[in-house]
Amino acid sequence: MKSITMLAAAAALALPLAAPAKADPRQNPTADYSADAVAKTQGQPDATSKIWYTKEKVRVDVSHQGQTMSVIMDRPAKKMTVLVPKSKLYEQETMPEGEAQNPIASGTWEVAKAGDEDLGGVSTTKWTVSGKGADGRGFKGFIWTTKENIQVKMEGEAEDEGRKVKVVSELKNLKIGPVDAKVFEIPKDFKPVPKDEKAPKDEKKN
């Protein structure tokens, strides 16, 4: 389950916290929404996901390298739940500090408005972004946001541990508005991951 948890969490890293905001990609979304997402990273298979976002909770259903899973982040409870549909199992963990934060909300960034642009019928503002986050990861490129500060597209070059790769992520079928609370519930036919299956992960920490 460790690799599944890390993969699902990674898919959610770009999902910012909800809070009062203004038009700025470093700020946080002001509206709930759902969307399909496609992420392309140089040298890796494409990753697709479905996102449901609210002020308190986020769910991301991820498909990557033949694996399908869901991660539900509950901010008030500081809890992260990973669902594995194939085996109908789930695992809950404490959500790491800053897990759902906007990656460019902290660190040193240069941001400038590049203009307004229509992306698939969605009105957005295009921004040039360059800098490095508090986690040491750098990015240089463009980010497109709606007036609600929802990040619709990101395209550029990311740097992590000295390695630079081209990255593109984009939302499709964006629907801004209330999200059904049921999507954040654990299905009744899902069971917790057996303790013996968790053992290998615990043993690696020793």
Protein backbone atom coordinates (compact mmCIF):
# COMPACT_ATOMS: atom_id res chain seq x y z
CA MET A 1 0.00 0.00 0.00
CA LYS A 2 2.92 2.38 0.48
CA SER A 3 3.51 2.90 -3.23
CA ILE A 4 -0.21 3.34 -3.81
CA THR A 5 -0.45 5.96 -1.07
CA MET A 6 2.52 7.88 -2.44
CA LEU A 7 1.18 7.80 -6.00
CA ALA A 8 -2.26 8.99 -4.98
CA ALA A 9 -0.83 11.71 -2.77
CA ALA A 10 1.44 12.89 -5.56
CA ALA A 11 -1.56 13.37 -7.80
CA ALA A 12 -3.08 15.67 -5.22
CA LEU A 13 -0.03 17.83 -4.58
CA ALA A 14 -1.23 20.49 -6.98
CA LEU A 15 -4.56 20.90 -5.24
CA PRO A 16 -4.45 24.08 -3.14
CA LEU A 17 -6.23 24.86 0.09
CA ALA A 18 -9.45 26.85 -0.08
CA ALA A 19 -9.32 30.31 1.50
CA PRO A 20 -10.05 33.96 0.66
CA ALA A 21 -8.26 34.79 -2.57
CA LYS A 22 -7.66 37.27 -5.35
CA ALA A 23 -6.56 36.75 -8.97
CA ASP A 24 -3.09 35.31 -8.46
CA PRO A 25 -1.87 31.72 -9.07
CA ARG A 26 -0.12 31.84 -5.67
CA GLN A 27 -3.48 32.32 -3.97
CA ASN A 28 -6.15 29.72 -3.25
CA PRO A 29 -9.40 28.77 -5.07
CA THR A 30 -12.60 30.39 -3.90
CA ALA A 31 -15.03 27.85 -5.36
CA ASP A 32 -15.82 24.14 -5.19
CA TYR A 33 -15.40 22.23 -8.44
CA SER A 34 -14.99 18.90 -10.19
CA ALA A 35 -12.94 18.11 -13.29
CA ASP A 36 -10.99 15.51 -15.24
CA ALA A 37 -7.22 16.02 -15.30
CA VAL A 38 -4.35 14.87 -17.49
CA ALA A 39 -0.73 15.17 -16.35
CA LYS A 40 2.19 14.69 -18.73
CA THR A 41 5.75 14.42 -17.40
CA GLN A 42 8.70 14.00 -19.74
CA GLY A 43 9.90 10.40 -19.79
CA GLN A 44 6.89 9.03 -17.93
CA PRO A 45 3.50 7.62 -18.95
CA ASP A 46 0.60 10.08 -18.87
CA ALA A 47 -1.46 10.09 -15.67
CA THR A 48 -5.21 10.76 -15.73
CA SER A 49 -7.41 11.60 -12.79
CA LYS A 50 -10.81 12.83 -11.69
CA ILE A 51 -10.92 15.60 -9.10
CA TRP A 52 -13.59 16.72 -6.65
CA TYR A 53 -12.60 19.80 -4.65
CA THR A 54 -14.28 21.55 -1.70
CA LYS A 55 -13.14 23.84 1.09
CA GLU A 56 -12.71 20.96 3.55
CA LYS A 57 -12.18 17.86 1.42
CA VAL A 58 -10.57 16.77 -1.82
CA ARG A 59 -10.90 13.50 -3.69
CA VAL A 60 -8.67 12.42 -6.58
CA ASP A 61 -9.26 9.22 -8.55
CA VAL A 62 -5.98 8.29 -10.22
CA SER A 63 -5.09 6.02 -13.15
CA HIS A 64 -1.35 5.55 -13.63
CA GLN A 65 0.76 2.73 -15.03
CA GLY A 66 -2.10 0.25 -14.82
CA GLN A 67 -3.01 1.14 -11.24
CA THR A 68 -6.29 2.72 -10.24
CA MET A 69 -6.91 4.20 -6.82
CA SER A 70 -8.60 7.09 -5.02
CA VAL A 71 -7.26 9.41 -2.36
CA ILE A 72 -9.57 11.41 -0.11
CA MET A 73 -8.07 14.22 1.93
CA ASP A 74 -10.02 15.53 4.92
CA ARG A 75 -8.37 18.76 5.99
CA PRO A 76 -10.24 19.42 9.29
CA ALA A 77 -9.55 15.83 10.43
CA LYS A 78 -6.00 15.92 8.95
CA LYS A 79 -6.70 12.47 7.56
CA MET A 80 -5.95 10.85 4.20
CA THR A 81 -7.83 7.79 2.97
CA VAL A 82 -6.67 5.67 0.04
CA LEU A 83 -9.22 3.44 -1.71
CA VAL A 84 -8.20 0.51 -3.92
CA PRO A 85 -11.24 -0.47 -6.04
CA LYS A 86 -9.69 -3.67 -7.44
CA SER A 87 -9.38 -5.26 -3.99
CA LYS A 88 -12.12 -3.17 -2.31
CA LEU A 89 -9.71 -2.18 0.45
CA TYR A 90 -8.90 1.14 2.06
CA GLU A 91 -6.14 2.54 4.26
CA GLN A 92 -6.22 5.66 6.41
CA GLU A 93 -3.21 7.72 7.45
CA THR A 94 -2.51 11.09 9.02
CA MET A 95 -2.29 13.64 6.25
CA PRO A 96 1.28 15.02 6.04
CA GLU A 97 1.67 18.70 6.84
CA GLY A 98 1.06 20.79 3.74
CA GLU A 99 -0.04 17.78 1.66
CA ALA A 100 -2.85 19.68 -0.07
CA GLN A 101 -1.20 23.08 -0.28
CA ASN A 102 -0.65 25.13 -3.38
CA PRO A 103 3.00 24.36 -4.28
CA ILE A 104 3.70 27.99 -5.26
CA ALA A 105 2.03 29.51 -2.19
CA SER A 106 5.38 29.48 -0.38
CA GLY A 107 8.96 29.90 -1.48
CA THR A 108 10.39 32.50 -3.86
CA TRP A 109 8.40 33.13 -7.02
CA GLU A 110 8.22 35.72 -9.78
CA VAL A 111 4.71 35.98 -11.20
CA ALA A 112 3.42 38.27 -13.96
CA LYS A 113 0.17 38.43 -15.90
CA ALA A 114 0.69 37.44 -19.53
CA GLY A 115 -2.87 38.02 -20.75
CA ASP A 116 -6.33 36.53 -20.94
CA GLU A 117 -7.01 33.31 -22.81
CA ASP A 118 -9.90 30.98 -23.56
CA LEU A 119 -9.13 27.30 -22.89
CA GLY A 120 -11.80 24.98 -24.22
CA GLY A 121 -14.55 27.46 -23.47
CA VAL A 122 -13.18 28.41 -20.03
CA SER A 123 -12.10 32.02 -19.53
CA THR A 124 -8.66 32.14 -17.89
CA THR A 125 -5.80 34.43 -17.02
CA LYS A 126 -2.38 33.31 -18.23
CA TRP A 127 0.57 33.90 -15.89
CA THR A 128 4.33 33.56 -16.32
CA VAL A 129 5.77 31.82 -13.25
CA SER A 130 9.38 31.23 -12.27
CA GLY A 131 10.98 30.29 -8.97
CA LYS A 132 11.40 27.65 -6.31
CA GLY A 133 9.05 26.40 -3.62
CA ALA A 134 9.78 25.93 0.08
CA ASP A 135 10.31 22.23 -0.68
CA GLY A 136 13.21 23.06 -3.00
CA ARG A 137 11.38 22.17 -6.20
CA GLY A 138 11.64 24.68 -9.03
CA PHE A 139 9.33 25.54 -11.92
CA LYS A 140 9.50 27.90 -14.88
CA GLY A 141 6.65 28.26 -17.32
CA PHE A 142 3.00 29.26 -17.49
CA ILE A 143 -0.09 28.74 -15.32
CA TRP A 144 -3.66 29.47 -16.40
CA THR A 145 -6.31 30.20 -13.72
CA THR A 146 -10.01 31.04 -13.65
CA LYS A 147 -11.34 34.09 -11.81
CA GLU A 148 -11.94 31.69 -8.89
CA ASN A 149 -8.19 30.89 -8.93
CA ILE A 150 -8.76 27.33 -10.12
CA GLN A 151 -5.60 26.16 -11.90
CA VAL A 152 -6.85 24.99 -15.30
CA LYS A 153 -3.47 24.41 -16.93
CA MET A 154 0.23 24.36 -16.11
CA GLU A 155 2.99 24.04 -18.69
CA GLY A 156 6.72 24.44 -18.33
CA GLU A 157 9.89 22.95 -16.92
CA ALA A 158 10.09 21.52 -13.41
CA GLU A 159 13.30 20.98 -11.47
CA ASP A 160 13.76 18.50 -8.64
CA GLU A 161 17.14 17.55 -7.18
CA GLY A 162 18.94 19.11 -10.14
CA ARG A 163 16.94 17.22 -12.76
CA LYS A 164 14.83 19.24 -15.20
CA VAL A 165 11.78 17.76 -16.95
CA LYS A 166 9.00 19.18 -19.09
CA VAL A 167 5.57 19.00 -17.46
CA VAL A 168 2.03 19.74 -18.58
CA SER A 169 -1.18 19.34 -16.60
CA GLU A 170 -4.64 20.40 -17.67
CA LEU A 171 -8.22 20.20 -16.42
CA LYS A 172 -11.03 19.09 -18.73
CA ASN A 173 -14.81 19.08 -18.21
CA LEU A 174 -14.48 21.66 -15.43
CA LYS A 175 -17.70 22.14 -13.44
CA ILE A 176 -17.67 24.94 -10.87
CA GLY A 177 -20.25 24.60 -8.09
CA PRO A 178 -21.38 22.38 -5.21
CA VAL A 179 -19.89 18.86 -4.97
CA ASP A 180 -21.93 15.88 -3.76
CA ALA A 181 -20.70 14.97 -0.25
CA LYS A 182 -21.17 11.26 -1.04
CA VAL A 183 -17.99 11.21 -3.18
CA PHE A 184 -15.97 11.62 0.03
CA GLU A 185 -17.50 8.58 1.74
CA ILE A 186 -15.83 5.17 1.98
CA PRO A 187 -17.98 2.62 0.07
CA LYS A 188 -19.82 0.27 2.45
CA ASP A 189 -18.38 -2.83 0.77
CA PHE A 190 -14.76 -1.69 1.27
CA LYS A 191 -12.71 -3.10 4.16
CA PRO A 192 -9.59 -1.85 5.96
CA VAL A 193 -6.24 -3.17 4.72
CA PRO A 194 -5.39 -6.25 6.86
CA LYS A 195 -2.67 -5.62 9.45
CA ASP A 196 -0.45 -8.31 7.95
CA GLU A 197 -0.42 -6.43 4.63
CA LYS A 198 0.75 -3.28 6.40
CA ALA A 199 3.59 -5.09 8.16
CA PRO A 200 6.18 -4.88 5.35
CA LYS A 201 5.79 -1.08 5.22
CA ASP A 202 6.25 -0.80 8.99
CA GLU A 203 9.24 -3.09 8.94
CA LYS A 204 11.00 -0.90 6.36
CA LYS A 205 10.86 2.01 8.78
CA ASN A 206 12.81 0.08 11.42
